[in-house]
Protein backbone atom coordinates (compact mmCIF):
# COMPACT_ATOMS: atom_id res chain seq x y z
CA UNK A 1 14.88 -1.81 -20.91
CA UNK A 2 11.66 -1.12 -18.85
CA UNK A 3 12.62 0.73 -15.36
CA UNK A 4 11.99 -1.23 -12.25
CA UNK A 5 8.81 0.45 -11.59
CA UNK A 6 7.10 0.07 -14.81
CA UNK A 7 7.25 -3.58 -14.65
CA UNK A 8 3.86 -3.47 -12.92
CA UNK A 9 0.79 -1.70 -14.37
CA UNK A 10 -2.39 -1.56 -11.95
CA UNK A 11 -6.12 -1.15 -13.52
CA UNK A 12 -8.87 -1.01 -11.96
CA UNK A 13 -11.83 -3.38 -12.51
CA UNK A 14 -15.43 -3.44 -11.53
CA UNK A 15 -14.81 -7.50 -9.52
CA UNK A 16 -11.44 -5.81 -8.33
CA UNK A 17 -8.01 -5.02 -9.05
CA UNK A 18 -6.17 -6.18 -12.58
CA UNK A 19 -1.95 -6.20 -11.66
CA UNK A 20 -0.30 -7.17 -15.18
CA UNK A 21 3.59 -7.74 -14.73
CA UNK A 22 6.35 -7.52 -17.49
CA UNK A 23 9.18 -9.38 -18.75
CA UNK A 24 11.57 -11.17 -16.13
CA UNK A 25 12.77 -13.69 -13.73
CA UNK A 26 9.96 -14.82 -11.09
CA UNK A 27 11.42 -14.48 -8.42
CA UNK A 28 12.34 -10.01 -8.59
CA UNK A 29 8.87 -9.23 -10.47
CA UNK A 30 7.46 -11.39 -7.14
CA UNK A 31 9.33 -9.37 -4.67
CA UNK A 32 8.55 -6.30 -6.80
CA UNK A 33 4.76 -6.46 -6.41
CA UNK A 34 4.46 -7.08 -3.13
CA UNK A 35 7.50 -4.29 -2.49
CA UNK A 36 4.43 -2.16 -4.35
CA UNK A 37 1.88 -3.62 -2.34
CA UNK A 38 3.37 -3.29 1.06
CA UNK A 39 3.78 0.61 -0.04
CA UNK A 40 0.47 0.85 -0.67
CA UNK A 41 -1.06 -1.14 2.36
CA UNK A 42 -4.14 0.96 2.63
CA UNK A 43 -4.87 0.85 -1.24
CA UNK A 44 -4.49 -2.93 -1.80
CA UNK A 45 -6.23 -4.02 1.66
CA UNK A 46 -9.53 -5.63 1.42
CA UNK A 47 -8.79 -5.64 -2.53
CA UNK A 48 -9.71 -8.40 -5.10
CA UNK A 49 -6.79 -9.35 -7.44
CA UNK A 50 -6.04 -11.08 -10.91
CA UNK A 51 -3.01 -10.73 -12.22
CA UNK A 52 -1.52 -11.59 -15.43
CA UNK A 53 1.55 -13.10 -15.33
CA UNK A 54 2.27 -13.11 -19.42
CA UNK A 55 4.44 -15.80 -20.36
CA UNK A 56 5.61 -16.76 -16.71
CA UNK A 57 5.64 -20.53 -16.60
CA UNK A 58 3.96 -20.71 -12.62
CA UNK A 59 3.65 -24.12 -10.52
CA UNK A 60 1.77 -25.15 -7.68
CA UNK A 61 4.03 -24.58 -5.00
CA UNK A 62 4.31 -20.50 -6.54
CA UNK A 63 1.09 -20.20 -7.33
CA UNK A 64 0.13 -21.70 -3.54
CA UNK A 65 2.83 -19.06 -1.81
CA UNK A 66 1.41 -16.42 -3.97
CA UNK A 67 -1.96 -16.77 -2.82
CA UNK A 68 -0.90 -17.27 0.99
CA UNK A 69 1.34 -14.00 0.96
CA UNK A 70 -1.50 -12.07 -0.91
CA UNK A 71 -4.08 -13.80 1.96
CA UNK A 72 -1.66 -12.27 4.50
CA UNK A 73 -2.12 -8.97 3.27
CA UNK A 74 -5.61 -8.85 3.09
CA UNK A 75 -5.77 -8.89 -0.55
CA UNK A 76 -8.29 -12.21 -2.19
CA UNK A 77 -6.89 -14.00 -5.28
CA UNK A 78 -9.37 -15.10 -7.68
CA UNK A 79 -7.89 -15.11 -11.15
CA UNK A 80 -4.39 -15.74 -12.93
CA UNK A 81 -4.48 -14.95 -16.49
CA UNK A 82 -1.57 -16.26 -18.34
CA UNK A 83 -0.11 -17.19 -22.17
CA UNK A 84 0.97 -20.07 -21.28
CA UNK A 85 -1.18 -23.35 -20.93
CA UNK A 86 0.95 -24.95 -17.69
CA UNK A 87 0.46 -21.31 -16.11
CA UNK A 88 -2.99 -21.12 -16.83
CA UNK A 89 -3.86 -25.30 -16.11
CA UNK A 90 -1.88 -24.57 -12.66
CA UNK A 91 -4.13 -21.74 -11.80
CA UNK A 92 -7.45 -23.81 -12.65
CA UNK A 93 -6.10 -26.41 -10.42
CA UNK A 94 -6.08 -24.48 -7.62
CA UNK A 95 -9.57 -23.07 -8.32
CA UNK A 96 -8.41 -19.57 -9.38
CA UNK A 97 -9.60 -18.03 -12.73
CA UNK A 98 -7.90 -17.89 -15.95
CA UNK A 99 -10.39 -15.51 -17.41
CA UNK A 100 -11.43 -12.14 -16.99
CA UNK A 101 -13.93 -9.53 -18.05
CA UNK A 102 -12.82 -6.21 -19.24
CA UNK A 103 -16.27 -4.43 -18.24
CA UNK A 104 -16.95 -3.90 -21.78
CA UNK A 105 -20.02 -5.63 -22.56
CA UNK A 106 -21.62 -5.58 -25.73
CA UNK A 107 -25.00 -5.24 -24.99
CA UNK A 108 -24.47 -1.96 -22.96
CA UNK A 109 -24.60 1.11 -24.93
CA UNK A 110 -21.89 3.65 -25.25
CA UNK A 111 -22.90 6.75 -23.86
CA UNK A 112 -23.41 10.02 -25.40
CA UNK A 113 -22.67 12.38 -22.62
CA UNK A 114 -20.55 12.12 -19.49
CA UNK A 115 -23.44 12.44 -17.08
CA UNK A 116 -24.94 9.20 -18.78
CA UNK A 117 -22.21 7.27 -18.17
CA UNK A 118 -22.84 4.31 -15.95
CA UNK A 119 -19.53 3.23 -15.68
CA UNK A 120 -18.39 6.27 -13.66
CA UNK A 121 -19.86 6.01 -10.81
CA UNK A 122 -17.36 3.45 -9.58
CA UNK A 123 -14.57 5.10 -7.90
CA UNK A 124 -11.14 3.94 -7.76
CA UNK A 125 -9.48 5.37 -3.94
CA UNK A 126 -5.62 6.04 -3.91
CA UNK A 127 -4.23 6.43 -0.82
CA UNK A 128 -0.75 7.32 -1.79
CA UNK A 129 0.88 9.05 -3.64
CA UNK A 130 2.25 7.50 -7.06
CA UNK A 131 5.51 7.35 -8.08
CA UNK A 132 7.00 7.33 -11.10
CA UNK A 133 6.84 4.36 -13.33
CA UNK A 134 3.54 3.91 -11.82
CA UNK A 135 0.69 3.52 -14.39
CA UNK A 136 -3.23 3.73 -13.33
CA UNK A 137 -6.22 2.73 -15.76
CA UNK A 138 -9.54 2.61 -14.21
CA UNK A 139 -12.96 2.53 -16.13
CA UNK A 140 -14.80 5.40 -13.89
CA UNK A 141 -13.76 7.62 -11.11
CA UNK A 142 -9.99 7.98 -9.68
CA UNK A 143 -9.51 10.05 -6.58
CA UNK A 144 -5.75 9.95 -5.08
CA UNK A 145 -5.12 11.07 -1.82
CA UNK A 146 -1.34 12.42 -2.59
CA UNK A 147 0.81 13.48 -4.85
CA UNK A 148 1.09 11.90 -9.01
CA UNK A 149 4.67 12.50 -9.25
CA UNK A 150 6.85 12.92 -12.99
CA UNK A 151 6.78 10.13 -14.16
CA UNK A 152 3.33 8.37 -13.00
CA UNK A 153 0.46 8.01 -15.17
CA UNK A 154 -3.48 8.08 -14.96
CA UNK A 155 -6.25 6.91 -17.11
CA UNK A 156 -9.72 7.37 -16.08
CA UNK A 157 -13.36 7.12 -18.17
CA UNK A 158 -14.70 9.24 -15.71
CA UNK A 159 -12.93 12.28 -13.95
CA UNK A 160 -9.42 12.48 -11.56
CA UNK A 161 -9.66 14.47 -8.72
CA UNK A 162 -5.83 15.14 -7.00
CA UNK A 163 -5.82 16.05 -3.30
CA UNK A 164 -2.05 16.96 -3.75
CA UNK A 165 -0.02 18.35 -6.91
CA UNK A 166 -0.58 16.78 -10.06
CA UNK A 167 3.15 16.82 -11.87
CA UNK A 168 2.51 13.68 -14.21
CA UNK A 169 0.55 12.54 -16.48
CA UNK A 170 -3.46 12.47 -16.74
CA UNK A 171 -6.16 11.39 -19.32
CA UNK A 172 -9.49 11.69 -18.51
CA UNK A 173 -13.28 10.89 -20.37
CA UNK A 174 -11.10 7.56 -21.63
CA UNK A 175 -12.10 4.35 -21.80
CA UNK A 176 -9.71 1.63 -19.70
CA UNK A 177 -7.64 0.81 -23.08
CA UNK A 178 -6.95 4.42 -23.35
CA UNK A 179 -8.90 5.61 -26.00
CA UNK A 180 -11.34 8.38 -25.42
CA UNK A 181 -14.69 7.85 -25.06
CA UNK A 182 -17.94 8.55 -27.24
CA UNK A 183 -18.08 11.82 -26.78
CA UNK A 184 -17.00 12.59 -23.17
CA UNK A 185 -15.84 15.69 -23.42
CA UNK A 186 -17.69 16.71 -19.41
CA UNK A 187 -15.27 14.67 -17.86
CA UNK A 188 -12.42 17.16 -15.63
CA UNK A 189 -9.35 16.89 -13.69
CA UNK A 190 -8.71 19.03 -10.33
CA UNK A 191 -6.13 19.41 -8.16
CA UNK A 192 -4.70 21.59 -5.33
CA UNK A 193 -1.44 21.88 -7.36
CA UNK A 194 -1.63 21.97 -11.27
CA UNK A 195 1.34 21.14 -13.42
CA UNK A 196 0.87 18.28 -14.91
CA UNK A 197 3.49 17.41 -17.93
CA UNK A 198 0.11 15.72 -20.21
CA UNK A 199 -2.89 16.56 -19.56
CA UNK A 200 -5.74 14.85 -22.34
CA UNK A 201 -9.28 14.92 -22.17
CA UNK A 202 -11.45 12.77 -23.89
CA UNK A 203 -9.87 13.28 -27.54
CA UNK A 204 -8.28 16.85 -26.84
CA UNK A 205 -4.17 17.14 -25.31
CA UNK A 206 -2.96 20.06 -23.71
CA UNK A 207 1.00 19.94 -23.45
CA UNK A 208 1.15 21.74 -19.83
CA UNK A 209 4.90 21.34 -19.40
CA UNK A 210 6.91 24.30 -18.59
CA UNK A 211 3.81 25.97 -16.78
CA UNK A 212 3.48 27.74 -13.98
CA UNK A 213 2.78 26.16 -10.92
CA UNK A 214 -0.90 26.78 -9.81
CA UNK A 215 -0.92 28.30 -5.88
CA UNK A 216 -4.60 27.39 -5.85
CA UNK A 217 -7.15 24.20 -6.16
CA UNK A 218 -8.01 24.11 -9.64
CA UNK A 219 -10.02 22.38 -11.97
CA UNK A 220 -9.16 21.93 -16.09
CA UNK A 221 -12.16 21.25 -18.24
CA UNK A 222 -13.46 21.66 -22.07
CA UNK A 223 -15.66 24.42 -22.75
CA UNK A 224 -16.66 24.56 -26.69
CA UNK A 225 -13.27 22.31 -27.42
CA UNK A 226 -10.84 24.75 -25.44
CA UNK A 227 -9.42 24.16 -22.36
CA UNK A 228 -10.80 26.00 -19.14
CA UNK A 229 -9.13 26.71 -16.19
CA UNK A 230 -11.28 27.75 -12.99
CA UNK A 231 -10.95 27.77 -9.00
CA UNK A 232 -11.69 24.34 -7.54
CA UNK A 233 -14.01 24.86 -5.01
CA UNK A 234 -13.48 21.39 -3.34
CA UNK A 235 -16.24 20.78 -1.29
């Protein structure tokens, strides 16, 4: 059974945020969604939100209430994605989009090096500690102003900078689907305290479980296929 927090997954898109909901009763998922939003109000404020509700059957009253409550929190609901035709029809009646771009256009050639990755120029700024069960995927850099707790996970196409304690799982040099980017081994991870449960750069994985806590801010990168740790001069 999924834990409470694992029922919500957040991905960064160039058009805003995509939140995917797991299976369960709608009123419970809706309450959990707003609980997560209220706990991270500074992160969500002003966001454009697309919501993947899976097989939920939602009527006009459900989506109208959802849109109004999001609006009260300065969040714009612009898309609802669903596997249920009735929900799709309802969303369309309310003028909401029912399809979203994954921001992986076929006409754009895949990069050969991190410096050439245009998508990495997009930064997702998270002003909150990430708790266990939270998963963030972003097609660019991710900056966390807080801790990444054990059980939390970040997957980024670019670099990950944690202005706090990194104790969860991180994967840099990946696309938003979690697959290794094309030879993007120049991506790196920085944190004020570095003890991740799992760290991956492109297709290379380092298991740091049980490692000693660094007393200095450090940067981990790949050099000639080997993981290298150095002092992070966070200027």
